[in-house]
Amino acid sequence: MPKIQDIPDSSRSSRGGMSHQAIEDYLKTIYRLAQDGSPVSTNRLAEARSVKPASVTGMLKRLAGLELVNYQKHYGVTLTDEGRKIALEVLRHHRLIETYLIKALGFEWDEVHEQAELLEHVISEKLEERIAAYLNHPEFDPHGSPIPRADGSVPQVQTRPLTTMVIGDQGEISRIATDSNSDLLRELAKLDLVPGKHLHVLAISADRDQFTLQLAQNDHPIELGFELADAILIKI
């Protein structure tokens, strides 16, 4: 079965060729989008990658030729076993790096995404394992996202968006839906709305675009707009 390392170096650098990073980025994006619905459509993938659908179609055909995806026009794309394995490896690198940057080097959680995007493609498996061991093999990164294990399994936690809750509901923040929106992450950190915190829904506006929360009985109420509230995933 063709693998990334089978692509000649000359094709990686040629115009229109597929680099290691391009392949890994596409596979990772397909995996992440598939968590919200599979198969993944060309339009969804184009929007997520900020490219034109025609460009995505061309890339998917090449990835299908490498047996990393299953692609059918007008149907969408799914990962093959090999494609999923690569996507999970890259995600493992990314989330371990984010965790290491925060816990060992003092980065804030809104600063680490771009750094991890660069480093996830170049760290060795030996370094990955050293980082995991240093961190005591965490199952979740600081944003609450599951870190794929070395054996390819993924920790599972069922969640629902805060925006699906009703007045009087309580729950624990499990995850923040994005690690790349720095402004959103900074705002949530200021409000102490981070994974592990327990919240109580006090009020919701009639059109559900404003949520009033409380973290502890004596804390002041917190008002959130829909965008911030929708990024907070509550453990079921």
Protein backbone atom coordinates (compact mmCIF):
# COMPACT_ATOMS: atom_id res chain seq x y z
CA MET A 1 0.00 0.00 0.00
CA PRO A 2 1.41 3.44 -0.91
CA LYS A 3 2.42 5.57 2.04
CA ILE A 4 3.58 9.15 2.46
CA GLN A 5 7.21 8.10 2.54
CA ASP A 6 6.79 6.45 -0.88
CA ILE A 7 6.30 9.85 -2.58
CA PRO A 8 9.55 10.85 -4.33
CA ASP A 9 11.26 13.94 -2.95
CA SER A 10 11.14 15.58 -6.38
CA SER A 11 7.35 15.43 -6.44
CA ARG A 12 7.13 16.96 -2.99
CA SER A 13 8.81 20.14 -4.13
CA SER A 14 7.39 20.32 -7.64
CA ARG A 15 4.62 22.72 -8.54
CA GLY A 16 1.32 21.09 -7.69
CA GLY A 17 3.06 18.21 -5.96
CA MET A 18 2.00 16.84 -2.61
CA SER A 19 4.24 17.50 0.34
CA HIS A 20 4.24 15.52 3.53
CA GLN A 21 2.61 18.48 5.26
CA ALA A 22 -0.11 18.95 2.64
CA ILE A 23 -1.11 15.28 2.86
CA GLU A 24 -1.13 15.27 6.65
CA ASP A 25 -3.09 18.53 6.84
CA TYR A 26 -5.80 17.20 4.51
CA LEU A 27 -6.10 13.89 6.33
CA LYS A 28 -6.28 15.64 9.70
CA THR A 29 -8.96 18.03 8.44
CA ILE A 30 -11.04 15.20 6.99
CA TYR A 31 -10.83 13.32 10.29
CA ARG A 32 -11.92 16.36 12.32
CA LEU A 33 -14.82 17.19 10.00
CA ALA A 34 -15.97 13.56 10.01
CA GLN A 35 -16.60 13.82 13.75
CA ASP A 36 -19.59 16.04 12.86
CA GLY A 37 -20.76 13.94 9.94
CA SER A 38 -19.37 11.48 7.43
CA PRO A 39 -18.73 11.31 4.52
CA VAL A 40 -17.19 14.77 4.34
CA SER A 41 -18.38 16.84 1.38
CA THR A 42 -16.01 18.69 -0.93
CA ASN A 43 -17.61 22.00 0.01
CA ARG A 44 -17.14 21.42 3.75
CA LEU A 45 -13.52 20.50 3.18
CA ALA A 46 -12.94 23.51 0.92
CA GLU A 47 -14.40 25.84 3.54
CA ALA A 48 -12.29 24.31 6.31
CA ARG A 49 -9.11 24.51 4.21
CA SER A 50 -9.97 27.99 2.80
CA VAL A 51 -9.47 26.83 -0.79
CA LYS A 52 -11.69 26.41 -3.85
CA PRO A 53 -13.72 23.18 -4.24
CA ALA A 54 -11.92 22.41 -7.51
CA SER A 55 -8.60 22.42 -5.66
CA VAL A 56 -10.00 20.04 -3.05
CA THR A 57 -11.29 17.68 -5.74
CA GLY A 58 -7.87 17.46 -7.33
CA MET A 59 -6.23 16.76 -3.98
CA LEU A 60 -8.76 14.10 -3.06
CA LYS A 61 -8.18 12.27 -6.34
CA ARG A 62 -4.45 12.16 -5.58
CA LEU A 63 -5.04 10.99 -2.02
CA ALA A 64 -7.38 8.29 -3.35
CA GLY A 65 -4.56 7.19 -5.67
CA LEU A 66 -2.38 6.74 -2.60
CA GLU A 67 -5.19 4.72 -0.96
CA LEU A 68 -5.43 7.20 1.90
CA VAL A 69 -9.06 8.19 1.23
CA ASN A 70 -12.18 6.79 -0.37
CA TYR A 71 -13.57 9.46 -2.68
CA GLN A 72 -16.63 9.50 -4.91
CA LYS A 73 -17.88 12.58 -6.77
CA HIS A 74 -21.15 13.96 -5.35
CA TYR A 75 -20.79 11.59 -2.37
CA GLY A 76 -17.88 12.87 -0.37
CA VAL A 77 -14.75 11.46 1.20
CA THR A 78 -13.88 9.08 4.02
CA LEU A 79 -10.50 7.99 5.30
CA THR A 80 -9.08 4.55 4.64
CA ASP A 81 -7.53 2.70 7.57
CA GLU A 82 -4.09 3.99 6.53
CA GLY A 83 -5.40 7.54 6.12
CA ARG A 84 -7.03 7.44 9.54
CA LYS A 85 -3.82 6.13 11.09
CA ILE A 86 -1.84 9.08 9.69
CA ALA A 87 -4.51 11.62 10.71
CA LEU A 88 -4.54 10.33 14.29
CA GLU A 89 -0.75 10.39 14.47
CA VAL A 90 -0.67 14.04 13.39
CA LEU A 91 -3.44 14.93 15.86
CA ARG A 92 -1.52 13.14 18.61
CA HIS A 93 1.57 15.22 17.79
CA HIS A 94 -0.46 18.43 17.69
CA ARG A 95 -2.24 17.96 20.99
CA LEU A 96 0.83 16.67 22.83
CA ILE A 97 2.80 19.69 21.62
CA GLU A 98 0.07 22.10 22.74
CA THR A 99 0.00 20.45 26.15
CA TYR A 100 3.78 20.53 26.47
CA LEU A 101 4.02 24.20 25.46
CA ILE A 102 1.49 25.15 28.12
CA LYS A 103 2.62 22.90 30.97
CA ALA A 104 6.39 22.97 30.45
CA LEU A 105 7.10 26.28 28.72
CA GLY A 106 4.41 28.54 30.15
CA PHE A 107 2.52 29.36 26.96
CA GLU A 108 -1.11 30.46 27.26
CA TRP A 109 -3.77 28.21 25.74
CA ASP A 110 -4.56 30.83 23.08
CA GLU A 111 -0.93 30.91 21.89
CA VAL A 112 -0.15 27.29 21.12
CA HIS A 113 -2.17 26.37 18.04
CA GLU A 114 0.09 28.01 15.47
CA GLN A 115 3.22 26.59 17.09
CA ALA A 116 1.74 23.10 17.13
CA GLU A 117 0.66 23.43 13.48
CA LEU A 118 4.31 23.93 12.54
CA LEU A 119 5.88 21.32 14.81
CA GLU A 120 3.35 18.50 14.38
CA HIS A 121 4.85 17.56 11.00
CA VAL A 122 8.49 17.39 12.02
CA ILE A 123 8.84 15.82 15.47
CA SER A 124 10.15 12.26 15.56
CA GLU A 125 8.32 9.35 17.16
CA LYS A 126 11.08 9.24 19.79
CA LEU A 127 10.49 12.88 20.71
CA GLU A 128 6.73 12.32 20.70
CA GLU A 129 7.11 9.49 23.22
CA ARG A 130 9.48 11.54 25.40
CA ILE A 131 6.96 14.40 25.49
CA ALA A 132 4.12 12.00 26.33
CA ALA A 133 6.15 10.41 29.13
CA TYR A 134 7.18 13.81 30.53
CA LEU A 135 3.49 14.79 30.66
CA ASN A 136 2.56 11.43 32.23
CA HIS A 137 0.68 10.31 29.11
CA PRO A 138 -2.28 12.73 29.23
CA GLU A 139 -5.57 11.70 27.63
CA PHE A 140 -6.79 15.25 26.95
CA ASP A 141 -5.09 18.49 25.98
CA PRO A 142 -5.70 21.78 27.87
CA HIS A 143 -8.62 22.62 25.56
CA GLY A 144 -10.24 19.30 26.53
CA SER A 145 -9.64 17.63 23.16
CA PRO A 146 -8.81 13.90 23.31
CA ILE A 147 -5.19 12.99 22.57
CA PRO A 148 -5.06 9.88 20.36
CA ARG A 149 -3.06 7.13 22.03
CA ALA A 150 0.06 5.60 20.48
CA ASP A 151 -1.96 2.49 19.59
CA GLY A 152 -4.43 4.56 17.55
CA SER A 153 -7.32 4.45 20.02
CA VAL A 154 -8.97 7.71 21.09
CA PRO A 155 -10.36 8.56 24.55
CA GLN A 156 -14.12 9.01 24.33
CA VAL A 157 -16.27 11.51 26.19
CA GLN A 158 -19.83 12.33 25.14
CA THR A 159 -20.54 16.05 25.04
CA ARG A 160 -23.19 18.52 23.96
CA PRO A 161 -22.93 22.25 23.24
CA LEU A 162 -23.83 24.58 26.08
CA THR A 163 -26.32 26.16 23.66
CA THR A 164 -28.49 23.02 23.88
CA MET A 165 -28.96 23.41 27.65
CA VAL A 166 -32.04 24.90 29.29
CA ILE A 167 -32.54 27.13 32.33
CA GLY A 168 -31.65 25.26 35.50
CA ASP A 169 -29.31 22.78 33.80
CA GLN A 170 -25.90 22.18 35.34
CA GLY A 171 -22.82 20.50 33.93
CA GLU A 172 -19.06 20.25 33.71
CA ILE A 173 -17.13 21.88 30.88
CA SER A 174 -15.47 19.03 28.98
CA ARG A 175 -13.98 20.71 25.95
CA ILE A 176 -13.66 23.92 23.97
CA ALA A 177 -14.67 23.27 20.38
CA THR A 178 -11.73 25.21 18.89
CA ASP A 179 -8.06 25.59 19.72
CA SER A 180 -7.36 28.08 16.91
CA ASN A 181 -9.62 31.05 17.74
CA SER A 182 -7.26 33.02 19.97
CA ASP A 183 -9.72 35.83 20.73
CA LEU A 184 -12.41 33.37 21.81
CA LEU A 185 -9.97 31.39 23.98
CA ARG A 186 -8.68 34.54 25.67
CA GLU A 187 -12.22 35.65 26.48
CA LEU A 188 -13.16 32.26 27.93
CA ALA A 189 -9.99 32.21 30.04
CA LYS A 190 -10.82 35.66 31.45
CA LEU A 191 -14.22 34.31 32.50
CA ASP A 192 -12.64 31.11 33.91
CA LEU A 193 -14.78 29.03 31.54
CA VAL A 194 -12.26 26.23 31.06
CA PRO A 195 -12.45 22.41 31.06
CA GLY A 196 -13.20 20.98 34.47
CA LYS A 197 -15.30 23.92 35.66
CA HIS A 198 -18.87 23.24 36.75
CA LEU A 199 -21.52 25.70 35.58
CA HIS A 200 -25.20 26.42 36.17
CA VAL A 201 -27.49 27.98 33.56
CA LEU A 202 -29.40 30.82 35.22
CA ALA A 203 -31.15 32.42 32.23
CA ILE A 204 -31.44 32.29 28.45
CA SER A 205 -32.79 35.06 26.23
CA ALA A 206 -35.95 34.44 24.23
CA ASP A 207 -34.05 34.06 20.96
CA ARG A 208 -31.30 31.99 22.67
CA ASP A 209 -28.51 34.38 21.70
CA GLN A 210 -27.60 35.30 25.29
CA PHE A 211 -26.83 32.88 28.13
CA THR A 212 -26.43 33.78 31.81
CA LEU A 213 -24.25 31.36 33.77
CA GLN A 214 -22.82 30.94 37.22
CA LEU A 215 -19.70 28.92 38.09
CA ALA A 216 -20.23 28.70 41.84
CA GLN A 217 -23.05 29.64 44.18
CA ASN A 218 -21.49 32.91 45.35
CA ASP A 219 -19.94 33.96 42.03
CA HIS A 220 -21.29 36.81 39.97
CA PRO A 221 -23.39 35.76 36.97
CA ILE A 222 -21.61 35.58 33.62
CA GLU A 223 -23.34 36.66 30.40
CA LEU A 224 -22.27 35.00 27.16
CA GLY A 225 -23.25 35.60 23.55
CA PHE A 226 -24.10 32.66 21.31
CA GLU A 227 -20.63 32.30 19.72
CA LEU A 228 -18.85 31.87 23.04
CA ALA A 229 -21.56 29.63 24.46
CA ASP A 230 -21.61 27.41 21.39
CA ALA A 231 -17.86 26.78 21.68
CA ILE A 232 -18.30 25.27 25.16
CA LEU A 233 -18.98 21.54 25.17
CA ILE A 234 -20.54 20.06 28.30
CA LYS A 235 -19.87 16.51 29.48
CA ILE A 236 -22.93 14.27 29.25
